[in-house]
Amino acid sequence: MKQVEVFEEIDAPPDVVWDVLLEFESYPEWNPFVRAIEGIPAEGEQLRVRIDPPESRELTFTPEVVAVEENRRLAWLGRLAVPFALDGYHEFHLVPIDDGERTRLLHRETFRGALVSLLVDEERIERGFEAMNRAVKARAERRIEAPE
């Protein structure tokens, strides 16, 4: 098992950060790591996710949404071909801080399976998560400064 987790503190309340995360159609405009998501963020639904990890090739996969808690948590489970070869449990947690005026974003992936040590480069994934978190922060904070 390997796990990558990255935190970001954002000067915006969780509902604003949540809206940014769920606006899949705008990902190509601003998201440097997750370049596209197609599908409905609802438990049991399948998404089509395209990522562009730093210094690596682009990858598209079709995970199943396993948890949606509005303004709090979004999680999906992706599998490489056969169960237990390589499973990735991806999640975003939004934790209100400073009386809900700010948000701590946890971006985490837990990898399990026989191929983890061969296929998972934690450093590259961490850099991708950090880039995405910074982009979420910038987008959410702009909304607070100049509401649409």
N, C-alpha and C. Protein backbone atom coordinates (compact mmCIF):
# COMPACT_ATOMS: atom_id res chain seq x y z
N MET A 1 0.85 -1.18 0.00
CA MET A 1 0.00 0.00 0.00
C MET A 1 0.89 1.25 0.00
N LYS A 2 0.46 2.24 -0.74
CA LYS A 2 1.11 3.55 -0.72
C LYS A 2 0.02 4.60 -0.60
N GLN A 3 0.36 5.69 0.06
CA GLN A 3 -0.61 6.77 0.21
C GLN A 3 0.07 8.11 -0.04
N VAL A 4 -0.64 8.96 -0.77
CA VAL A 4 -0.17 10.32 -1.03
C VAL A 4 -1.25 11.24 -0.49
N GLU A 5 -0.85 12.18 0.36
CA GLU A 5 -1.83 13.16 0.83
C GLU A 5 -1.19 14.53 0.93
N VAL A 6 -1.98 15.51 0.50
CA VAL A 6 -1.51 16.89 0.45
C VAL A 6 -2.62 17.77 1.02
N PHE A 7 -2.24 18.73 1.85
CA PHE A 7 -3.19 19.67 2.45
C PHE A 7 -3.00 21.06 1.86
N GLU A 8 -4.07 21.83 1.84
CA GLU A 8 -4.02 23.23 1.41
C GLU A 8 -5.02 24.00 2.25
N GLU A 9 -4.60 25.13 2.82
CA GLU A 9 -5.53 25.99 3.52
C GLU A 9 -5.99 27.08 2.57
N ILE A 10 -7.31 27.24 2.50
CA ILE A 10 -7.93 28.12 1.50
C ILE A 10 -8.76 29.18 2.20
N ASP A 11 -8.57 30.43 1.79
CA ASP A 11 -9.32 31.54 2.38
C ASP A 11 -10.68 31.67 1.70
N ALA A 12 -11.47 30.62 1.84
CA ALA A 12 -12.84 30.57 1.32
C ALA A 12 -13.58 29.48 2.09
N PRO A 13 -14.88 29.64 2.30
CA PRO A 13 -15.64 28.62 3.04
C PRO A 13 -15.79 27.33 2.23
N PRO A 14 -16.07 26.22 2.93
CA PRO A 14 -16.17 24.92 2.25
C PRO A 14 -17.16 24.88 1.08
N ASP A 15 -18.28 25.60 1.16
CA ASP A 15 -19.24 25.53 0.06
C ASP A 15 -18.67 26.11 -1.23
N VAL A 16 -17.82 27.12 -1.12
CA VAL A 16 -17.19 27.71 -2.31
C VAL A 16 -16.15 26.74 -2.89
N VAL A 17 -15.36 26.13 -2.03
CA VAL A 17 -14.36 25.15 -2.47
C VAL A 17 -15.06 23.95 -3.11
N TRP A 18 -16.14 23.51 -2.51
CA TRP A 18 -16.93 22.39 -3.03
C TRP A 18 -17.42 22.70 -4.45
N ASP A 19 -17.94 23.90 -4.64
CA ASP A 19 -18.41 24.29 -5.97
C ASP A 19 -17.29 24.22 -7.00
N VAL A 20 -16.11 24.69 -6.61
CA VAL A 20 -14.96 24.64 -7.53
C VAL A 20 -14.64 23.18 -7.89
N LEU A 21 -14.61 22.31 -6.89
CA LEU A 21 -14.27 20.90 -7.14
C LEU A 21 -15.30 20.21 -8.03
N LEU A 22 -16.56 20.59 -7.92
CA LEU A 22 -17.61 19.89 -8.68
C LEU A 22 -17.90 20.49 -10.04
N GLU A 23 -17.27 21.57 -10.39
CA GLU A 23 -17.47 22.17 -11.72
C GLU A 23 -16.54 21.50 -12.72
N PHE A 24 -16.83 20.23 -12.98
CA PHE A 24 -15.97 19.41 -13.83
C PHE A 24 -15.76 20.02 -15.21
N GLU A 25 -16.80 20.64 -15.76
CA GLU A 25 -16.71 21.17 -17.12
C GLU A 25 -15.64 22.25 -17.27
N SER A 26 -15.26 22.89 -16.17
CA SER A 26 -14.25 23.96 -16.26
C SER A 26 -12.82 23.46 -15.97
N TYR A 27 -12.64 22.20 -15.60
CA TYR A 27 -11.32 21.69 -15.26
C TYR A 27 -10.26 21.98 -16.34
N PRO A 28 -10.56 21.79 -17.63
CA PRO A 28 -9.51 22.05 -18.64
C PRO A 28 -8.99 23.49 -18.61
N GLU A 29 -9.80 24.43 -18.11
CA GLU A 29 -9.38 25.84 -18.07
C GLU A 29 -8.35 26.12 -16.98
N TRP A 30 -8.41 25.39 -15.87
CA TRP A 30 -7.59 25.80 -14.73
C TRP A 30 -6.85 24.67 -14.01
N ASN A 31 -7.22 23.43 -14.22
CA ASN A 31 -6.66 22.34 -13.42
C ASN A 31 -5.44 21.73 -14.09
N PRO A 32 -4.25 21.88 -13.50
CA PRO A 32 -3.03 21.38 -14.14
C PRO A 32 -2.82 19.88 -13.99
N PHE A 33 -3.57 19.22 -13.11
CA PHE A 33 -3.37 17.79 -12.84
C PHE A 33 -4.53 16.95 -13.36
N VAL A 34 -5.74 17.22 -12.89
CA VAL A 34 -6.91 16.53 -13.40
C VAL A 34 -7.43 17.38 -14.55
N ARG A 35 -7.12 16.97 -15.76
CA ARG A 35 -7.41 17.80 -16.93
C ARG A 35 -8.88 17.72 -17.35
N ALA A 36 -9.58 16.64 -16.97
CA ALA A 36 -10.99 16.53 -17.33
C ALA A 36 -11.66 15.46 -16.48
N ILE A 37 -12.93 15.74 -16.14
CA ILE A 37 -13.79 14.74 -15.51
C ILE A 37 -15.13 14.82 -16.22
N GLU A 38 -15.63 13.67 -16.63
CA GLU A 38 -16.96 13.57 -17.21
C GLU A 38 -17.78 12.65 -16.32
N GLY A 39 -19.04 13.00 -16.11
CA GLY A 39 -19.91 12.16 -15.30
C GLY A 39 -20.57 12.95 -14.20
N ILE A 40 -21.37 12.23 -13.42
CA ILE A 40 -22.15 12.85 -12.35
C ILE A 40 -21.54 12.46 -11.01
N PRO A 41 -21.25 13.44 -10.16
CA PRO A 41 -20.68 13.14 -8.84
C PRO A 41 -21.75 12.65 -7.86
N ALA A 42 -22.16 11.39 -8.05
CA ALA A 42 -23.17 10.78 -7.17
C ALA A 42 -22.73 9.34 -6.90
N GLU A 43 -22.98 8.87 -5.69
CA GLU A 43 -22.58 7.51 -5.32
C GLU A 43 -23.10 6.49 -6.33
N GLY A 44 -22.21 5.57 -6.72
CA GLY A 44 -22.56 4.52 -7.66
C GLY A 44 -22.36 4.89 -9.11
N GLU A 45 -22.16 6.17 -9.40
CA GLU A 45 -21.96 6.63 -10.78
C GLU A 45 -20.51 6.40 -11.19
N GLN A 46 -20.31 6.23 -12.48
CA GLN A 46 -18.97 6.07 -13.02
C GLN A 46 -18.53 7.38 -13.66
N LEU A 47 -17.30 7.77 -13.36
CA LEU A 47 -16.72 8.97 -13.95
C LEU A 47 -15.69 8.57 -15.01
N ARG A 48 -15.38 9.50 -15.87
CA ARG A 48 -14.26 9.34 -16.80
C ARG A 48 -13.30 10.47 -16.44
N VAL A 49 -12.11 10.09 -15.94
CA VAL A 49 -11.15 11.05 -15.40
C VAL A 49 -9.86 10.99 -16.22
N ARG A 50 -9.39 12.17 -16.64
CA ARG A 50 -8.13 12.26 -17.38
C ARG A 50 -7.16 13.08 -16.54
N ILE A 51 -6.02 12.46 -16.20
CA ILE A 51 -5.00 13.16 -15.40
C ILE A 51 -3.74 13.34 -16.24
N ASP A 52 -2.96 14.35 -15.86
CA ASP A 52 -1.71 14.65 -16.53
C ASP A 52 -0.64 14.85 -15.45
N PRO A 53 -0.11 13.73 -14.91
CA PRO A 53 0.89 13.85 -13.84
C PRO A 53 2.17 14.51 -14.34
N PRO A 54 2.86 15.25 -13.48
CA PRO A 54 4.11 15.89 -13.87
C PRO A 54 5.12 14.85 -14.38
N GLU A 55 5.77 15.16 -15.49
CA GLU A 55 6.83 14.32 -16.05
C GLU A 55 6.38 12.88 -16.30
N SER A 56 5.15 12.72 -16.71
CA SER A 56 4.61 11.39 -16.96
C SER A 56 3.60 11.49 -18.09
N ARG A 57 3.12 10.36 -18.55
CA ARG A 57 2.15 10.39 -19.63
C ARG A 57 0.74 10.56 -19.09
N GLU A 58 -0.10 11.14 -19.92
CA GLU A 58 -1.50 11.34 -19.58
C GLU A 58 -2.17 9.99 -19.41
N LEU A 59 -3.14 9.92 -18.50
CA LEU A 59 -3.83 8.68 -18.20
C LEU A 59 -5.32 8.95 -18.05
N THR A 60 -6.15 8.09 -18.65
CA THR A 60 -7.60 8.20 -18.49
C THR A 60 -8.09 6.92 -17.83
N PHE A 61 -8.95 7.06 -16.84
CA PHE A 61 -9.51 5.89 -16.15
C PHE A 61 -10.97 6.17 -15.81
N THR A 62 -11.67 5.12 -15.41
CA THR A 62 -13.12 5.23 -15.16
C THR A 62 -13.46 4.72 -13.76
N PRO A 63 -13.25 5.55 -12.74
CA PRO A 63 -13.54 5.13 -11.38
C PRO A 63 -15.04 5.22 -11.06
N GLU A 64 -15.42 4.55 -9.99
CA GLU A 64 -16.79 4.63 -9.48
C GLU A 64 -16.81 5.57 -8.27
N VAL A 65 -17.79 6.46 -8.23
CA VAL A 65 -17.95 7.36 -7.09
C VAL A 65 -18.45 6.52 -5.91
N VAL A 66 -17.74 6.59 -4.79
CA VAL A 66 -18.10 5.78 -3.63
C VAL A 66 -18.58 6.62 -2.44
N ALA A 67 -18.37 7.93 -2.47
CA ALA A 67 -18.84 8.77 -1.37
C ALA A 67 -19.01 10.21 -1.84
N VAL A 68 -20.14 10.79 -1.48
CA VAL A 68 -20.40 12.20 -1.73
C VAL A 68 -21.10 12.74 -0.49
N GLU A 69 -20.44 13.66 0.19
CA GLU A 69 -21.03 14.36 1.33
C GLU A 69 -20.90 15.84 1.03
N GLU A 70 -22.00 16.48 0.68
CA GLU A 70 -21.98 17.86 0.21
C GLU A 70 -21.17 18.77 1.12
N ASN A 71 -20.30 19.53 0.50
CA ASN A 71 -19.42 20.50 1.17
C ASN A 71 -18.41 19.84 2.12
N ARG A 72 -18.28 18.49 2.05
CA ARG A 72 -17.37 17.81 2.97
C ARG A 72 -16.44 16.80 2.32
N ARG A 73 -16.99 15.95 1.41
CA ARG A 73 -16.17 14.83 0.95
C ARG A 73 -16.66 14.30 -0.40
N LEU A 74 -15.69 14.03 -1.27
CA LEU A 74 -15.93 13.36 -2.54
C LEU A 74 -14.86 12.29 -2.68
N ALA A 75 -15.28 11.05 -2.98
CA ALA A 75 -14.31 9.96 -3.12
C ALA A 75 -14.72 9.03 -4.25
N TRP A 76 -13.69 8.48 -4.92
CA TRP A 76 -13.95 7.48 -5.96
C TRP A 76 -12.92 6.38 -5.87
N LEU A 77 -13.27 5.23 -6.46
CA LEU A 77 -12.38 4.07 -6.49
C LEU A 77 -12.12 3.70 -7.94
N GLY A 78 -10.84 3.69 -8.29
CA GLY A 78 -10.44 3.30 -9.63
C GLY A 78 -9.67 1.99 -9.58
N ARG A 79 -9.81 1.20 -10.65
CA ARG A 79 -9.12 -0.09 -10.72
C ARG A 79 -8.41 -0.21 -12.06
N LEU A 80 -7.25 -0.82 -12.02
CA LEU A 80 -6.51 -1.12 -13.24
C LEU A 80 -6.87 -2.55 -13.65
N ALA A 81 -7.67 -2.66 -14.68
CA ALA A 81 -8.07 -3.95 -15.28
C ALA A 81 -8.70 -4.93 -14.29
N VAL A 82 -7.89 -5.58 -13.50
CA VAL A 82 -8.39 -6.61 -12.59
C VAL A 82 -8.30 -6.13 -11.14
N PRO A 83 -9.30 -6.47 -10.33
CA PRO A 83 -9.23 -6.07 -8.92
C PRO A 83 -7.92 -6.57 -8.27
N PHE A 84 -7.38 -5.73 -7.44
CA PHE A 84 -6.18 -6.01 -6.64
C PHE A 84 -4.88 -5.99 -7.43
N ALA A 85 -4.93 -5.68 -8.73
CA ALA A 85 -3.69 -5.44 -9.46
C ALA A 85 -3.20 -4.05 -9.07
N LEU A 86 -4.10 -3.06 -9.21
CA LEU A 86 -3.82 -1.70 -8.75
C LEU A 86 -5.16 -1.01 -8.53
N ASP A 87 -5.47 -0.75 -7.29
CA ASP A 87 -6.68 -0.01 -6.92
C ASP A 87 -6.26 1.33 -6.35
N GLY A 88 -6.98 2.39 -6.74
CA GLY A 88 -6.70 3.72 -6.21
C GLY A 88 -7.96 4.31 -5.61
N TYR A 89 -7.90 4.61 -4.32
CA TYR A 89 -9.02 5.25 -3.62
C TYR A 89 -8.67 6.72 -3.48
N HIS A 90 -9.38 7.57 -4.24
CA HIS A 90 -9.07 9.00 -4.33
C HIS A 90 -10.12 9.77 -3.55
N GLU A 91 -9.68 10.74 -2.75
CA GLU A 91 -10.66 11.49 -1.98
C GLU A 91 -10.23 12.94 -1.75
N PHE A 92 -11.25 13.77 -1.65
CA PHE A 92 -11.11 15.16 -1.26
C PHE A 92 -11.92 15.33 0.01
N HIS A 93 -11.30 15.88 1.05
CA HIS A 93 -12.00 16.21 2.30
C HIS A 93 -11.92 17.72 2.51
N LEU A 94 -13.03 18.33 2.82
CA LEU A 94 -13.07 19.76 3.12
C LEU A 94 -13.39 19.92 4.60
N VAL A 95 -12.49 20.56 5.32
CA VAL A 95 -12.66 20.75 6.76
C VAL A 95 -12.78 22.24 7.03
N PRO A 96 -13.92 22.68 7.60
CA PRO A 96 -14.04 24.10 7.91
C PRO A 96 -13.08 24.51 9.03
N ILE A 97 -12.45 25.65 8.86
CA ILE A 97 -11.59 26.20 9.91
C ILE A 97 -11.94 27.68 10.08
N ASP A 98 -11.52 28.26 11.19
CA ASP A 98 -11.81 29.68 11.48
C ASP A 98 -13.31 29.96 11.36
N ASP A 99 -14.10 29.19 12.12
CA ASP A 99 -15.56 29.36 12.14
C ASP A 99 -16.19 29.23 10.76
N GLY A 100 -15.61 28.38 9.93
CA GLY A 100 -16.18 28.12 8.62
C GLY A 100 -15.88 29.16 7.56
N GLU A 101 -15.07 30.15 7.89
CA GLU A 101 -14.70 31.18 6.91
C GLU A 101 -13.61 30.70 5.97
N ARG A 102 -12.87 29.68 6.42
CA ARG A 102 -11.77 29.13 5.62
C ARG A 102 -11.94 27.62 5.55
N THR A 103 -11.14 27.00 4.69
CA THR A 103 -11.24 25.55 4.48
C THR A 103 -9.86 24.93 4.45
N ARG A 104 -9.74 23.78 5.08
CA ARG A 104 -8.54 22.95 4.92
C ARG A 104 -8.92 21.84 3.96
N LEU A 105 -8.26 21.81 2.81
CA LEU A 105 -8.51 20.80 1.78
C LEU A 105 -7.48 19.69 1.94
N LEU A 106 -7.99 18.47 2.11
CA LEU A 106 -7.13 17.29 2.11
C LEU A 106 -7.38 16.57 0.79
N HIS A 107 -6.33 16.33 0.05
CA HIS A 107 -6.38 15.63 -1.23
C HIS A 107 -5.54 14.37 -1.04
N ARG A 108 -6.18 13.19 -1.14
CA ARG A 108 -5.47 11.95 -0.79
C ARG A 108 -5.79 10.84 -1.78
N GLU A 109 -4.80 10.01 -2.02
CA GLU A 109 -5.00 8.78 -2.81
C GLU A 109 -4.31 7.65 -2.06
N THR A 110 -5.03 6.54 -1.92
CA THR A 110 -4.50 5.34 -1.30
C THR A 110 -4.45 4.26 -2.37
N PHE A 111 -3.25 3.75 -2.62
CA PHE A 111 -3.04 2.74 -3.65
C PHE A 111 -2.83 1.39 -2.99
N ARG A 112 -3.49 0.37 -3.55
CA ARG A 112 -3.32 -1.00 -3.07
C ARG A 112 -3.22 -1.93 -4.28
N GLY A 113 -2.55 -3.05 -4.08
CA GLY A 113 -2.49 -4.06 -5.12
C GLY A 113 -1.09 -4.49 -5.45
N ALA A 114 -1.02 -5.56 -6.23
CA ALA A 114 0.25 -6.19 -6.57
C ALA A 114 1.18 -5.30 -7.39
N LEU A 115 0.63 -4.37 -8.16
CA LEU A 115 1.45 -3.55 -9.06
C LEU A 115 1.80 -2.16 -8.50
N VAL A 116 1.44 -1.90 -7.27
CA VAL A 116 1.67 -0.57 -6.70
C VAL A 116 3.13 -0.17 -6.78
N SER A 117 4.02 -1.03 -6.35
CA SER A 117 5.44 -0.65 -6.31
C SER A 117 6.02 -0.43 -7.70
N LEU A 118 5.43 -1.05 -8.71
CA LEU A 118 5.92 -0.88 -10.09
C LEU A 118 5.34 0.34 -10.79
N LEU A 119 4.08 0.71 -10.48
CA LEU A 119 3.38 1.72 -11.27
C LEU A 119 3.13 3.06 -10.58
N VAL A 120 3.33 3.12 -9.28
CA VAL A 120 2.99 4.35 -8.56
C VAL A 120 4.25 5.12 -8.19
N ASP A 121 4.35 6.34 -8.72
CA ASP A 121 5.45 7.25 -8.39
C ASP A 121 4.89 8.32 -7.46
N GLU A 122 5.09 8.11 -6.17
CA GLU A 122 4.50 9.01 -5.16
C GLU A 122 4.93 10.46 -5.32
N GLU A 123 6.18 10.69 -5.66
CA GLU A 123 6.68 12.06 -5.78
C GLU A 123 5.97 12.82 -6.90
N ARG A 124 5.80 12.18 -8.03
CA ARG A 124 5.10 12.83 -9.15
C ARG A 124 3.63 13.09 -8.81
N ILE A 125 3.01 12.11 -8.20
CA ILE A 125 1.60 12.28 -7.83
C ILE A 125 1.47 13.41 -6.80
N GLU A 126 2.35 13.45 -5.84
CA GLU A 126 2.31 14.51 -4.84
C GLU A 126 2.47 15.88 -5.49
N ARG A 127 3.39 16.01 -6.44
CA ARG A 127 3.55 17.29 -7.14
C ARG A 127 2.28 17.65 -7.91
N GLY A 128 1.64 16.67 -8.52
CA GLY A 128 0.38 16.91 -9.22
C GLY A 128 -0.72 17.36 -8.27
N PHE A 129 -0.83 16.70 -7.12
CA PHE A 129 -1.82 17.09 -6.11
C PHE A 129 -1.56 18.51 -5.62
N GLU A 130 -0.29 18.83 -5.35
CA GLU A 130 0.04 20.18 -4.88
C GLU A 130 -0.35 21.23 -5.92
N ALA A 131 -0.07 20.95 -7.19
CA ALA A 131 -0.42 21.91 -8.25
C ALA A 131 -1.94 22.08 -8.33
N MET A 132 -2.67 20.98 -8.24
CA MET A 132 -4.13 21.08 -8.28
C MET A 132 -4.65 21.84 -7.07
N ASN A 133 -4.15 21.53 -5.89
CA ASN A 133 -4.62 22.21 -4.68
C ASN A 133 -4.38 23.72 -4.76
N ARG A 134 -3.21 24.10 -5.28
CA ARG A 134 -2.93 25.54 -5.42
C ARG A 134 -3.93 26.18 -6.40
N ALA A 135 -4.27 25.45 -7.46
CA ALA A 135 -5.22 25.98 -8.44
C ALA A 135 -6.63 26.07 -7.85
N VAL A 136 -7.03 25.09 -7.05
CA VAL A 136 -8.34 25.15 -6.36
C VAL A 136 -8.35 26.36 -5.43
N LYS A 137 -7.27 26.54 -4.67
CA LYS A 137 -7.16 27.67 -3.75
C LYS A 137 -7.32 28.99 -4.50
N ALA A 138 -6.58 29.16 -5.57
CA ALA A 138 -6.63 30.42 -6.33
C ALA A 138 -8.03 30.67 -6.88
N ARG A 139 -8.65 29.64 -7.42
CA ARG A 139 -9.98 29.81 -8.02
C ARG A 139 -11.03 30.14 -6.95
N ALA A 140 -10.99 29.43 -5.82
CA ALA A 140 -11.95 29.67 -4.74
C ALA A 140 -11.76 31.05 -4.12
N GLU A 141 -10.52 31.43 -3.90
CA GLU A 141 -10.26 32.74 -3.28
C GLU A 141 -10.65 33.88 -4.21
N ARG A 142 -10.48 33.71 -5.52
CA ARG A 142 -10.94 34.74 -6.47
C ARG A 142 -12.45 34.92 -6.37
N ARG A 143 -13.17 33.85 -6.13
CA ARG A 143 -14.63 33.96 -6.01
C ARG A 143 -15.04 34.75 -4.78
N ILE A 144 -14.26 34.66 -3.73
CA ILE A 144 -14.56 35.41 -2.51
C ILE A 144 -14.25 36.88 -2.74
N GLU A 145 -13.15 37.16 -3.43
CA GLU A 145 -12.74 38.54 -3.69
C GLU A 145 -13.70 39.24 -4.65
N ALA A 146 -14.17 38.51 -5.66
CA ALA A 146 -15.06 39.10 -6.68
C ALA A 146 -16.17 38.11 -7.00
N PRO A 147 -17.20 38.05 -6.15
CA PRO A 147 -18.27 37.06 -6.37
C PRO A 147 -18.89 37.21 -7.76
N GLU A 148 -19.21 36.05 -8.35
CA GLU A 148 -19.81 36.04 -9.70
C GLU A 148 -21.28 36.39 -9.64
